[in-house]
Amino acid sequence: MKRKIIATLSLFSLLGLVLPVAAQVEPPATVTTIEGLIGVIDTAATWLMGILLAIGVIMLLLAGFTWMTAAGDEEKVGKARKMLIWGLVGVAIGLVAKGLISIVAQLVGTTV
């Protein structure tokens, strides 16, 4: 019981050290040019791509594990096949989102 209390207090004390640093972040500047807008959209697309790629890789790993442990059960194989397809769709959407931003930036005449 004492270990849990000590661990909890240690965690909260470490959290207390981090919060003042996080409070010193300056607000982002307002977007006034097309380059700034493309930069903001590119940052959002980069985050979206990272999240979708992580979810897609996890889905692919789960699909592979489900397929390997199906032991010939058609229902589990079908479930694994659907997971595999949706995992690949997630990866493709993430890549297309990032590529689309680059294409729009080139059409506008800016660099990302």
PDB file of N, CA and C in Angstrom:
ATOM      1  N   MET A   1       0.817  -1.186   0.000  1.00  0.00           N
ATOM      2  CA  MET A   1       0.000   0.000   0.000  1.00  0.00           C
ATOM      3  C   MET A   1       0.865   1.255   0.000  1.00  0.00           C
ATOM      4  N   LYS A   2       1.960   1.205   0.778  1.00  0.00           N
ATOM      5  CA  LYS A   2       2.833   2.356   0.856  1.00  0.00           C
ATOM      6  C   LYS A   2       3.516   2.615  -0.488  1.00  0.00           C
ATOM      7  N   ARG A   3       3.823   1.557  -1.212  1.00  0.00           N
ATOM      8  CA  ARG A   3       4.473   1.714  -2.514  1.00  0.00           C
ATOM      9  C   ARG A   3       3.556   2.421  -3.506  1.00  0.00           C
ATOM     10  N   LYS A   4       2.276   2.102  -3.464  1.00  0.00           N
ATOM     11  CA  LYS A   4       1.328   2.761  -4.353  1.00  0.00           C
ATOM     12  C   LYS A   4       1.230   4.247  -4.045  1.00  0.00           C
ATOM     13  N   ILE A   5       1.217   4.588  -2.760  1.00  0.00           N
ATOM     14  CA  ILE A   5       1.136   5.991  -2.372  1.00  0.00           C
ATOM     15  C   ILE A   5       2.393   6.731  -2.803  1.00  0.00           C
ATOM     16  N   ILE A   6       3.550   6.131  -2.595  1.00  0.00           N
ATOM     17  CA  ILE A   6       4.817   6.758  -2.986  1.00  0.00           C
ATOM     18  C   ILE A   6       4.888   6.914  -4.501  1.00  0.00           C
ATOM     19  N   ALA A   7       4.465   5.901  -5.238  1.00  0.00           N
ATOM     20  CA  ALA A   7       4.488   5.984  -6.702  1.00  0.00           C
ATOM     21  C   ALA A   7       3.544   7.069  -7.195  1.00  0.00           C
ATOM     22  N   THR A   8       2.360   7.176  -6.597  1.00  0.00           N
ATOM     23  CA  THR A   8       1.398   8.206  -7.001  1.00  0.00           C
ATOM     24  C   THR A   8       1.924   9.600  -6.700  1.00  0.00           C
ATOM     25  N   LEU A   9       2.482   9.797  -5.528  1.00  0.00           N
ATOM     26  CA  LEU A   9       3.046  11.100  -5.178  1.00  0.00           C
ATOM     27  C   LEU A   9       4.228  11.457  -6.075  1.00  0.00           C
ATOM     28  N   SER A  10       5.043  10.472  -6.426  1.00  0.00           N
ATOM     29  CA  SER A  10       6.174  10.727  -7.323  1.00  0.00           C
ATOM     30  C   SER A  10       5.684  11.137  -8.702  1.00  0.00           C
ATOM     31  N   LEU A  11       4.659  10.472  -9.184  1.00  0.00           N
ATOM     32  CA  LEU A  11       4.106  10.814 -10.486  1.00  0.00           C
ATOM     33  C   LEU A  11       3.559  12.231 -10.504  1.00  0.00           C
ATOM     34  N   PHE A  12       2.819  12.592  -9.467  1.00  0.00           N
ATOM     35  CA  PHE A  12       2.269  13.944  -9.418  1.00  0.00           C
ATOM     36  C   PHE A  12       3.350  15.008  -9.246  1.00  0.00           C
ATOM     37  N   SER A  13       4.418  14.683  -8.522  1.00  0.00           N
ATOM     38  CA  SER A  13       5.499  15.659  -8.380  1.00  0.00           C
ATOM     39  C   SER A  13       6.222  15.855  -9.707  1.00  0.00           C
ATOM     40  N   LEU A  14       6.408  14.790 -10.484  1.00  0.00           N
ATOM     41  CA  LEU A  14       7.019  14.936 -11.808  1.00  0.00           C
ATOM     42  C   LEU A  14       6.110  15.719 -12.739  1.00  0.00           C
ATOM     43  N   LEU A  15       4.820  15.509 -12.642  1.00  0.00           N
ATOM     44  CA  LEU A  15       3.866  16.258 -13.446  1.00  0.00           C
ATOM     45  C   LEU A  15       3.905  17.741 -13.093  1.00  0.00           C
ATOM     46  N   GLY A  16       4.111  18.048 -11.836  1.00  0.00           N
ATOM     47  CA  GLY A  16       4.215  19.434 -11.397  1.00  0.00           C
ATOM     48  C   GLY A  16       5.436  20.124 -11.963  1.00  0.00           C
ATOM     49  N   LEU A  17       6.488  19.369 -12.279  1.00  0.00           N
ATOM     50  CA  LEU A  17       7.676  19.964 -12.880  1.00  0.00           C
ATOM     51  C   LEU A  17       7.468  20.280 -14.352  1.00  0.00           C
ATOM     52  N   VAL A  18       6.605  19.542 -15.006  1.00  0.00           N
ATOM     53  CA  VAL A  18       6.395  19.709 -16.436  1.00  0.00           C
ATOM     54  C   VAL A  18       5.413  20.826 -16.750  1.00  0.00           C
ATOM     55  N   LEU A  19       4.413  21.016 -15.935  1.00  0.00           N
ATOM     56  CA  LEU A  19       3.359  21.982 -16.224  1.00  0.00           C
ATOM     57  C   LEU A  19       3.854  23.424 -16.384  1.00  0.00           C
ATOM     58  N   PRO A  20       4.768  23.941 -15.555  1.00  0.00           N
ATOM     59  CA  PRO A  20       5.225  25.316 -15.791  1.00  0.00           C
ATOM     60  C   PRO A  20       5.915  25.495 -17.142  1.00  0.00           C
ATOM     61  N   VAL A  21       6.596  24.486 -17.613  1.00  0.00           N
ATOM     62  CA  VAL A  21       7.256  24.573 -18.914  1.00  0.00           C
ATOM     63  C   VAL A  21       6.222  24.600 -20.027  1.00  0.00           C
ATOM     64  N   ALA A  22       5.184  23.807 -19.917  1.00  0.00           N
ATOM     65  CA  ALA A  22       4.142  23.774 -20.938  1.00  0.00           C
ATOM     66  C   ALA A  22       3.363  25.089 -20.973  1.00  0.00           C
ATOM     67  N   ALA A  23       3.322  25.812 -19.880  1.00  0.00           N
ATOM     68  CA  ALA A  23       2.576  27.062 -19.834  1.00  0.00           C
ATOM     69  C   ALA A  23       3.298  28.193 -20.555  1.00  0.00           C
ATOM     70  N   GLN A  24       4.571  28.013 -20.887  1.00  0.00           N
ATOM     71  CA  GLN A  24       5.343  29.075 -21.500  1.00  0.00           C
ATOM     72  C   GLN A  24       5.305  29.046 -23.023  1.00  0.00           C
ATOM     73  N   VAL A  25       4.490  28.207 -23.608  1.00  0.00           N
ATOM     74  CA  VAL A  25       4.392  28.125 -25.056  1.00  0.00           C
ATOM     75  C   VAL A  25       3.669  29.355 -25.578  1.00  0.00           C
ATOM     76  N   GLU A  26       4.230  29.988 -26.601  1.00  0.00           N
ATOM     77  CA  GLU A  26       3.609  31.166 -27.180  1.00  0.00           C
ATOM     78  C   GLU A  26       2.519  30.752 -28.161  1.00  0.00           C
ATOM     79  N   PRO A  27       1.465  31.551 -28.272  1.00  0.00           N
ATOM     80  CA  PRO A  27       0.410  31.215 -29.231  1.00  0.00           C
ATOM     81  C   PRO A  27       0.936  31.357 -30.659  1.00  0.00           C
ATOM     82  N   PRO A  28       0.418  30.565 -31.578  1.00  0.00           N
ATOM     83  CA  PRO A  28       0.901  30.656 -32.961  1.00  0.00           C
ATOM     84  C   PRO A  28       0.509  31.996 -33.591  1.00  0.00           C
ATOM     85  N   ALA A  29       1.327  32.417 -34.533  1.00  0.00           N
ATOM     86  CA  ALA A  29       1.048  33.669 -35.235  1.00  0.00           C
ATOM     87  C   ALA A  29      -0.154  33.482 -36.156  1.00  0.00           C
ATOM     88  N   THR A  30      -0.841  34.561 -36.455  1.00  0.00           N
ATOM     89  CA  THR A  30      -1.995  34.474 -37.347  1.00  0.00           C
ATOM     90  C   THR A  30      -1.509  34.261 -38.778  1.00  0.00           C
ATOM     91  N   VAL A  31      -2.295  33.547 -39.535  1.00  0.00           N
ATOM     92  CA  VAL A  31      -1.958  33.247 -40.920  1.00  0.00           C
ATOM     93  C   VAL A  31      -2.426  34.410 -41.788  1.00  0.00           C
ATOM     94  N   THR A  32      -1.478  35.038 -42.502  1.00  0.00           N
ATOM     95  CA  THR A  32      -1.837  36.187 -43.337  1.00  0.00           C
ATOM     96  C   THR A  32      -1.518  35.972 -44.807  1.00  0.00           C
ATOM     97  N   THR A  33      -0.756  34.922 -45.134  1.00  0.00           N
ATOM     98  CA  THR A  33      -0.389  34.675 -46.527  1.00  0.00           C
ATOM     99  C   THR A  33      -0.821  33.277 -46.924  1.00  0.00           C
ATOM    100  N   ILE A  34      -0.812  33.037 -48.230  1.00  0.00           N
ATOM    101  CA  ILE A  34      -1.167  31.704 -48.730  1.00  0.00           C
ATOM    102  C   ILE A  34      -0.113  30.677 -48.320  1.00  0.00           C
ATOM    103  N   GLU A  35       1.155  31.119 -48.214  1.00  0.00           N
ATOM    104  CA  GLU A  35       2.210  30.203 -47.773  1.00  0.00           C
ATOM    105  C   GLU A  35       1.976  29.762 -46.332  1.00  0.00           C
ATOM    106  N   GLY A  36       1.511  30.694 -45.502  1.00  0.00           N
ATOM    107  CA  GLY A  36       1.204  30.350 -44.115  1.00  0.00           C
ATOM    108  C   GLY A  36       0.046  29.379 -44.012  1.00  0.00           C
ATOM    109  N   LEU A  37      -0.968  29.592 -44.857  1.00  0.00           N
ATOM    110  CA  LEU A  37      -2.120  28.688 -44.872  1.00  0.00           C
ATOM    111  C   LEU A  37      -1.710  27.293 -45.334  1.00  0.00           C
ATOM    112  N   ILE A  38      -0.900  27.241 -46.387  1.00  0.00           N
ATOM    113  CA  ILE A  38      -0.414  25.941 -46.869  1.00  0.00           C
ATOM    114  C   ILE A  38       0.428  25.264 -45.792  1.00  0.00           C
ATOM    115  N   GLY A  39       1.212  26.054 -45.046  1.00  0.00           N
ATOM    116  CA  GLY A  39       2.020  25.490 -43.961  1.00  0.00           C
ATOM    117  C   GLY A  39       1.165  24.886 -42.860  1.00  0.00           C
ATOM    118  N   VAL A  40       0.089  25.578 -42.495  1.00  0.00           N
ATOM    119  CA  VAL A  40      -0.813  25.060 -41.458  1.00  0.00           C
ATOM    120  C   VAL A  40      -1.491  23.783 -41.942  1.00  0.00           C
ATOM    121  N   ILE A  41      -1.964  23.793 -43.177  1.00  0.00           N
ATOM    122  CA  ILE A  41      -2.617  22.602 -43.735  1.00  0.00           C
ATOM    123  C   ILE A  41      -1.622  21.455 -43.844  1.00  0.00           C
ATOM    124  N   ASP A  42      -0.374  21.766 -44.205  1.00  0.00           N
ATOM    125  CA  ASP A  42       0.653  20.729 -44.298  1.00  0.00           C
ATOM    126  C   ASP A  42       0.939  20.117 -42.932  1.00  0.00           C
ATOM    127  N   THR A  43       0.977  20.946 -41.913  1.00  0.00           N
ATOM    128  CA  THR A  43       1.194  20.425 -40.559  1.00  0.00           C
ATOM    129  C   THR A  43       0.050  19.508 -40.138  1.00  0.00           C
ATOM    130  N   ALA A  44      -1.178  19.916 -40.427  1.00  0.00           N
ATOM    131  CA  ALA A  44      -2.338  19.079 -40.096  1.00  0.00           C
ATOM    132  C   ALA A  44      -2.302  17.768 -40.878  1.00  0.00           C
ATOM    133  N   ALA A  45      -1.910  17.839 -42.160  1.00  0.00           N
ATOM    134  CA  ALA A  45      -1.829  16.625 -42.976  1.00  0.00           C
ATOM    135  C   ALA A  45      -0.723  15.700 -42.480  1.00  0.00           C
ATOM    136  N   THR A  46       0.373  16.276 -41.999  1.00  0.00           N
ATOM    137  CA  THR A  46       1.455  15.456 -41.461  1.00  0.00           C
ATOM    138  C   THR A  46       0.989  14.707 -40.220  1.00  0.00           C
ATOM    139  N   TRP A  47       0.256  15.396 -39.334  1.00  0.00           N
ATOM    140  CA  TRP A  47      -0.291  14.737 -38.160  1.00  0.00           C
ATOM    141  C   TRP A  47      -1.301  13.659 -38.555  1.00  0.00           C
ATOM    142  N   LEU A  48      -2.175  13.978 -39.506  1.00  0.00           N
ATOM    143  CA  LEU A  48      -3.167  13.014 -39.966  1.00  0.00           C
ATOM    144  C   LEU A  48      -2.491  11.785 -40.563  1.00  0.00           C
ATOM    145  N   MET A  49      -1.452  12.016 -41.370  1.00  0.00           N
ATOM    146  CA  MET A  49      -0.745  10.900 -41.976  1.00  0.00           C
ATOM    147  C   MET A  49      -0.097  10.026 -40.909  1.00  0.00           C
ATOM    148  N   GLY A  50       0.513  10.638 -39.920  1.00  0.00           N
ATOM    149  CA  GLY A  50       1.141   9.866 -38.850  1.00  0.00           C
ATOM    150  C   GLY A  50       0.156   9.034 -38.067  1.00  0.00           C
ATOM    151  N   ILE A  51      -0.983   9.639 -37.742  1.00  0.00           N
ATOM    152  CA  ILE A  51      -2.007   8.915 -36.988  1.00  0.00           C
ATOM    153  C   ILE A  51      -2.580   7.771 -37.812  1.00  0.00           C
ATOM    154  N   LEU A  52      -2.914   8.053 -39.079  1.00  0.00           N
ATOM    155  CA  LEU A  52      -3.492   7.004 -39.925  1.00  0.00           C
ATOM    156  C   LEU A  52      -2.494   5.892 -40.214  1.00  0.00           C
ATOM    157  N   LEU A  53      -1.219   6.238 -40.390  1.00  0.00           N
ATOM    158  CA  LEU A  53      -0.224   5.197 -40.620  1.00  0.00           C
ATOM    159  C   LEU A  53      -0.041   4.326 -39.381  1.00  0.00           C
ATOM    160  N   ALA A  54      -0.064   4.934 -38.201  1.00  0.00           N
ATOM    161  CA  ALA A  54       0.061   4.146 -36.976  1.00  0.00           C
ATOM    162  C   ALA A  54      -1.134   3.207 -36.805  1.00  0.00           C
ATOM    163  N   ILE A  55      -2.332   3.738 -37.028  1.00  0.00           N
ATOM    164  CA  ILE A  55      -3.527   2.898 -36.916  1.00  0.00           C
ATOM    165  C   ILE A  55      -3.513   1.817 -37.982  1.00  0.00           C
ATOM    166  N   GLY A  56      -3.085   2.182 -39.200  1.00  0.00           N
ATOM    167  CA  GLY A  56      -3.024   1.196 -40.283  1.00  0.00           C
ATOM    168  C   GLY A  56      -2.052   0.070 -39.991  1.00  0.00           C
ATOM    169  N   VAL A  57      -0.892   0.397 -39.448  1.00  0.00           N
ATOM    170  CA  VAL A  57       0.096  -0.641 -39.117  1.00  0.00           C
ATOM    171  C   VAL A  57      -0.435  -1.551 -38.016  1.00  0.00           C
ATOM    172  N   ILE A  58      -1.082  -0.966 -37.017  1.00  0.00           N
ATOM    173  CA  ILE A  58      -1.670  -1.782 -35.948  1.00  0.00           C
ATOM    174  C   ILE A  58      -2.754  -2.696 -36.514  1.00  0.00           C
ATOM    175  N   MET A  59      -3.578  -2.161 -37.420  1.00  0.00           N
ATOM    176  CA  MET A  59      -4.618  -2.985 -38.047  1.00  0.00           C
ATOM    177  C   MET A  59      -4.010  -4.123 -38.851  1.00  0.00           C
ATOM    178  N   LEU A  60      -2.926  -3.837 -39.581  1.00  0.00           N
ATOM    179  CA  LEU A  60      -2.280  -4.882 -40.370  1.00  0.00           C
ATOM    180  C   LEU A  60      -1.688  -5.958 -39.470  1.00  0.00           C
ATOM    181  N   LEU A  61      -1.085  -5.563 -38.370  1.00  0.00           N
ATOM    182  CA  LEU A  61      -0.539  -6.557 -37.441  1.00  0.00           C
ATOM    183  C   LEU A  61      -1.641  -7.405 -36.814  1.00  0.00           C
ATOM    184  N   LEU A  62      -2.739  -6.756 -36.422  1.00  0.00           N
ATOM    185  CA  LEU A  62      -3.863  -7.512 -35.857  1.00  0.00           C
ATOM    186  C   LEU A  62      -4.490  -8.442 -36.896  1.00  0.00           C
ATOM    187  N   ALA A  63      -4.578  -7.970 -38.138  1.00  0.00           N
ATOM    188  CA  ALA A  63      -5.133  -8.820 -39.197  1.00  0.00           C
ATOM    189  C   ALA A  63      -4.249 -10.036 -39.427  1.00  0.00           C
ATOM    190  N   GLY A  64      -2.942  -9.816 -39.453  1.00  0.00           N
ATOM    191  CA  GLY A  64      -2.027 -10.949 -39.628  1.00  0.00           C
ATOM    192  C   GLY A  64      -2.121 -11.934 -38.480  1.00  0.00           C
ATOM    193  N   PHE A  65      -2.207 -11.424 -37.252  1.00  0.00           N
ATOM    194  CA  PHE A  65      -2.322 -12.305 -36.097  1.00  0.00           C
ATOM    195  C   PHE A  65      -3.639 -13.077 -36.132  1.00  0.00           C
ATOM    196  N   THR A  66      -4.728 -12.396 -36.488  1.00  0.00           N
ATOM    197  CA  THR A  66      -6.029 -13.062 -36.564  1.00  0.00           C
ATOM    198  C   THR A  66      -6.030 -14.127 -37.646  1.00  0.00           C
ATOM    199  N   TRP A  67      -5.404 -13.821 -38.785  1.00  0.00           N
ATOM    200  CA  TRP A  67      -5.352 -14.775 -39.892  1.00  0.00           C
ATOM    201  C   TRP A  67      -4.539 -16.014 -39.497  1.00  0.00           C
ATOM    202  N   MET A  68      -3.412 -15.774 -38.834  1.00  0.00           N
ATOM    203  CA  MET A  68      -2.546 -16.901 -38.467  1.00  0.00           C
ATOM    204  C   MET A  68      -3.175 -17.782 -37.384  1.00  0.00           C
ATOM    205  N   THR A  69      -3.984 -17.186 -36.524  1.00  0.00           N
ATOM    206  CA  THR A  69      -4.605 -17.967 -35.453  1.00  0.00           C
ATOM    207  C   THR A  69      -6.012 -18.440 -35.807  1.00  0.00           C
ATOM    208  N   ALA A  70      -6.439 -18.253 -37.043  1.00  0.00           N
ATOM    209  CA  ALA A  70      -7.794 -18.643 -37.444  1.00  0.00           C
ATOM    210  C   ALA A  70      -7.971 -20.152 -37.453  1.00  0.00           C
ATOM    211  N   ALA A  71      -6.939 -20.884 -37.713  1.00  0.00           N
ATOM    212  CA  ALA A  71      -6.979 -22.348 -37.732  1.00  0.00           C
ATOM    213  C   ALA A  71      -8.039 -22.878 -38.692  1.00  0.00           C
ATOM    214  N   GLY A  72      -8.181 -22.227 -39.834  1.00  0.00           N
ATOM    215  CA  GLY A  72      -9.106 -22.696 -40.851  1.00  0.00           C
ATOM    216  C   GLY A  72     -10.545 -22.231 -40.673  1.00  0.00           C
ATOM    217  N   ASP A  73     -10.829 -21.484 -39.640  1.00  0.00           N
ATOM    218  CA  ASP A  73     -12.185 -20.986 -39.410  1.00  0.00           C
ATOM    219  C   ASP A  73     -12.468 -19.864 -40.412  1.00  0.00           C
ATOM    220  N   GLU A  74     -13.454 -20.096 -41.289  1.00  0.00           N
ATOM    221  CA  GLU A  74     -13.750 -19.142 -42.363  1.00  0.00           C
ATOM    222  C   GLU A  74     -14.218 -17.790 -41.831  1.00  0.00           C
ATOM    223  N   GLU A  75     -14.915 -17.788 -40.709  1.00  0.00           N
ATOM    224  CA  GLU A  75     -15.392 -16.530 -40.137  1.00  0.00           C
ATOM    225  C   GLU A  75     -14.209 -15.661 -39.675  1.00  0.00           C
ATOM    226  N   LYS A  76     -13.225 -16.279 -39.026  1.00  0.00           N
ATOM    227  CA  LYS A  76     -12.051 -15.526 -38.581  1.00  0.00           C
ATOM    228  C   LYS A  76     -11.194 -15.079 -39.758  1.00  0.00           C
ATOM    229  N   VAL A  77     -11.093 -15.911 -40.778  1.00  0.00           N
ATOM    230  CA  VAL A  77     -10.328 -15.529 -41.967  1.00  0.00           C
ATOM    231  C   VAL A  77     -11.008 -14.353 -42.662  1.00  0.00           C
ATOM    232  N   GLY A  78     -12.329 -14.373 -42.738  1.00  0.00           N
ATOM    233  CA  GLY A  78     -13.067 -13.258 -43.337  1.00  0.00           C
ATOM    234  C   GLY A  78     -12.883 -11.974 -42.534  1.00  0.00           C
ATOM    235  N   LYS A  79     -12.898 -12.096 -41.213  1.00  0.00           N
ATOM    236  CA  LYS A  79     -12.678 -10.934 -40.350  1.00  0.00           C
ATOM    237  C   LYS A  79     -11.262 -10.393 -40.554  1.00  0.00           C
ATOM    238  N   ALA A  80     -10.286 -11.285 -40.643  1.00  0.00           N
ATOM    239  CA  ALA A  80      -8.896 -10.859 -40.856  1.00  0.00           C
ATOM    240  C   ALA A  80      -8.735 -10.200 -42.224  1.00  0.00           C
ATOM    241  N   ARG A  81      -9.418 -10.710 -43.218  1.00  0.00           N
ATOM    242  CA  ARG A  81      -9.342 -10.131 -44.563  1.00  0.00           C
ATOM    243  C   ARG A  81      -9.918  -8.712 -44.573  1.00  0.00           C
ATOM    244  N   LYS A  82     -11.045  -8.513 -43.873  1.00  0.00           N
ATOM    245  CA  LYS A  82     -11.636  -7.178 -43.778  1.00  0.00           C
ATOM    246  C   LYS A  82     -10.700  -6.223 -43.034  1.00  0.00           C
ATOM    247  N   MET A  83     -10.085  -6.702 -41.951  1.00  0.00           N
ATOM    248  CA  MET A  83      -9.144  -5.867 -41.204  1.00  0.00           C
ATOM    249  C   MET A  83      -7.954  -5.488 -42.076  1.00  0.00           C
ATOM    250  N   LEU A  84      -7.483  -6.416 -42.876  1.00  0.00           N
ATOM    251  CA  LEU A  84      -6.356  -6.162 -43.770  1.00  0.00           C
ATOM    252  C   LEU A  84      -6.720  -5.100 -44.801  1.00  0.00           C
ATOM    253  N   ILE A  85      -7.895  -5.225 -45.387  1.00  0.00           N
ATOM    254  CA  ILE A  85      -8.331  -4.252 -46.393  1.00  0.00           C
ATOM    255  C   ILE A  85      -8.472  -2.865 -45.770  1.00  0.00           C
ATOM    256  N   TRP A  86      -9.121  -2.760 -44.608  1.00  0.00           N
ATOM    257  CA  TRP A  86      -9.314  -1.449 -43.986  1.00  0.00           C
ATOM    258  C   TRP A  86      -8.003  -0.862 -43.480  1.00  0.00           C
ATOM    259  N   GLY A  87      -7.078  -1.703 -43.057  1.00  0.00           N
ATOM    260  CA  GLY A  87      -5.751  -1.211 -42.674  1.00  0.00           C
ATOM    261  C   GLY A  87      -5.025  -0.609 -43.857  1.00  0.00           C
ATOM    262  N   LEU A  88      -5.107  -1.275 -45.008  1.00  0.00           N
ATOM    263  CA  LEU A  88      -4.477  -0.745 -46.214  1.00  0.00           C
ATOM    264  C   LEU A  88      -5.171   0.531 -46.694  1.00  0.00           C
ATOM    265  N   VAL A  89      -6.495   0.607 -46.533  1.00  0.00           N
ATOM    266  CA  VAL A  89      -7.218   1.827 -46.896  1.00  0.00           C
ATOM    267  C   VAL A  89      -6.757   2.987 -46.017  1.00  0.00           C
ATOM    268  N   GLY A  90      -6.566   2.754 -44.736  1.00  0.00           N
ATOM    269  CA  GLY A  90      -6.083   3.795 -43.829  1.00  0.00           C
ATOM    270  C   GLY A  90      -4.700   4.291 -44.209  1.00  0.00           C
ATOM    271  N   VAL A  91      -3.808   3.373 -44.554  1.00  0.00           N
ATOM    272  CA  VAL A  91      -2.463   3.758 -44.986  1.00  0.00           C
ATOM    273  C   VAL A  91      -2.541   4.559 -46.278  1.00  0.00           C
ATOM    274  N   ALA A  92      -3.376   4.128 -47.213  1.00  0.00           N
ATOM    275  CA  ALA A  92      -3.502   4.831 -48.490  1.00  0.00           C
ATOM    276  C   ALA A  92      -4.066   6.233 -48.292  1.00  0.00           C
ATOM    277  N   ILE A  93      -5.060   6.396 -47.432  1.00  0.00           N
ATOM    278  CA  ILE A  93      -5.634   7.719 -47.180  1.00  0.00           C
ATOM    279  C   ILE A  93      -4.594   8.639 -46.560  1.00  0.00           C
ATOM    280  N   GLY A  94      -3.791   8.119 -45.653  1.00  0.00           N
ATOM    281  CA  GLY A  94      -2.737   8.926 -45.048  1.00  0.00           C
ATOM    282  C   GLY A  94      -1.725   9.398 -46.071  1.00  0.00           C
ATOM    283  N   LEU A  95      -1.329   8.534 -46.980  1.00  0.00           N
ATOM    284  CA  LEU A  95      -0.362   8.912 -48.009  1.00  0.00           C
ATOM    285  C   LEU A  95      -0.967   9.885 -49.019  1.00  0.00           C
ATOM    286  N   VAL A  96      -2.219   9.674 -49.383  1.00  0.00           N
ATOM    287  CA  VAL A  96      -2.877  10.569 -50.333  1.00  0.00           C
ATOM    288  C   VAL A  96      -3.063  11.960 -49.719  1.00  0.00           C
ATOM    289  N   ALA A  97      -3.390  12.027 -48.433  1.00  0.00           N
ATOM    290  CA  ALA A  97      -3.572  13.329 -47.771  1.00  0.00           C
ATOM    291  C   ALA A  97      -2.289  14.142 -47.833  1.00  0.00           C
ATOM    292  N   LYS A  98      -1.173  13.505 -47.572  1.00  0.00           N
ATOM    293  CA  LYS A  98       0.108  14.224 -47.614  1.00  0.00           C
ATOM    294  C   LYS A  98       0.476  14.584 -49.048  1.00  0.00           C
ATOM    295  N   GLY A  99       0.258  13.695 -49.985  1.00  0.00           N
ATOM    296  CA  GLY A  99       0.583  13.970 -51.382  1.00  0.00           C
ATOM    297  C   GLY A  99      -0.279  15.053 -51.982  1.00  0.00           C
ATOM    298  N   LEU A 100      -1.539  15.101 -51.590  1.00  0.00           N
ATOM    299  CA  LEU A 100      -2.453  16.111 -52.109  1.00  0.00           C
ATOM    300  C   LEU A 100      -2.019  17.520 -51.698  1.00  0.00           C
ATOM    301  N   ILE A 101      -1.510  17.652 -50.494  1.00  0.00           N
ATOM    302  CA  ILE A 101      -1.023  18.956 -50.031  1.00  0.00           C
ATOM    303  C   ILE A 101       0.160  19.407 -50.877  1.00  0.00           C
ATOM    304  N   SER A 102       1.055  18.488 -51.194  1.00  0.00           N
ATOM    305  CA  SER A 102       2.212  18.843 -52.034  1.00  0.00           C
ATOM    306  C   SER A 102       1.761  19.269 -53.434  1.00  0.00           C
ATOM    307  N   ILE A 103       0.774  18.587 -53.973  1.00  0.00           N
ATOM    308  CA  ILE A 103       0.278  18.942 -55.317  1.00  0.00           C
ATOM    309  C   ILE A 103      -0.364  20.322 -55.288  1.00  0.00           C
ATOM    310  N   VAL A 104      -1.186  20.608 -54.296  1.00  0.00           N
ATOM    311  CA  VAL A 104      -1.826  21.923 -54.198  1.00  0.00           C
ATOM    312  C   VAL A 104      -0.773  23.014 -54.003  1.00  0.00           C
ATOM    313  N   ALA A 105       0.240  22.752 -53.203  1.00  0.00           N
ATOM    314  CA  ALA A 105       1.301  23.749 -52.991  1.00  0.00           C
ATOM    315  C   ALA A 105       2.052  24.037 -54.275  1.00  0.00           C
ATOM    316  N   GLN A 106       2.294  23.023 -55.094  1.00  0.00           N
ATOM    317  CA  GLN A 106       2.966  23.245 -56.374  1.00  0.00           C
ATOM    318  C   GLN A 106       2.070  24.018 -57.337  1.00  0.00           C
ATOM    319  N   LEU A 107       0.774  23.745 -57.327  1.00  0.00           N
ATOM    320  CA  LEU A 107      -0.150  24.473 -58.199  1.00  0.00           C
ATOM    321  C   LEU A 107      -0.234  25.948 -57.824  1.00  0.00           C
ATOM    322  N   VAL A 108      -0.195  26.220 -56.528  1.00  0.00           N
ATOM    323  CA  VAL A 108      -0.250  27.603 -56.067  1.00  0.00           C
ATOM    324  C   VAL A 108       1.072  28.312 -56.304  1.00  0.00           C
ATOM    325  N   GLY A 109       2.148  27.565 -56.349  1.00  0.00           N
ATOM    326  CA  GLY A 109       3.459  28.139 -56.587  1.00  0.00           C
ATOM    327  C   GLY A 109       4.284  28.333 -55.340  1.00  0.00           C
ATOM    328  N   THR A 110       3.955  27.624 -54.277  1.00  0.00           N
ATOM    329  CA  THR A 110       4.732  27.711 -53.042  1.00  0.00           C
ATOM    330  C   THR A 110       5.399  26.373 -52.772  1.00  0.00           C
ATOM    331  N   THR A 111       6.286  26.366 -51.814  1.00  0.00           N
ATOM    332  CA  THR A 111       6.939  25.123 -51.419  1.00  0.00           C
ATOM    333  C   THR A 111       6.482  24.773 -50.017  1.00  0.00           C
ATOM    334  N   VAL A 112       6.481  23.502 -49.749  1.00  0.00           N
ATOM    335  CA  VAL A 112       6.036  23.029 -48.432  1.00  0.00           C
ATOM    336  C   VAL A 112       7.242  22.722 -47.603  1.00  0.00           C
TER     337      VAL A 112
END
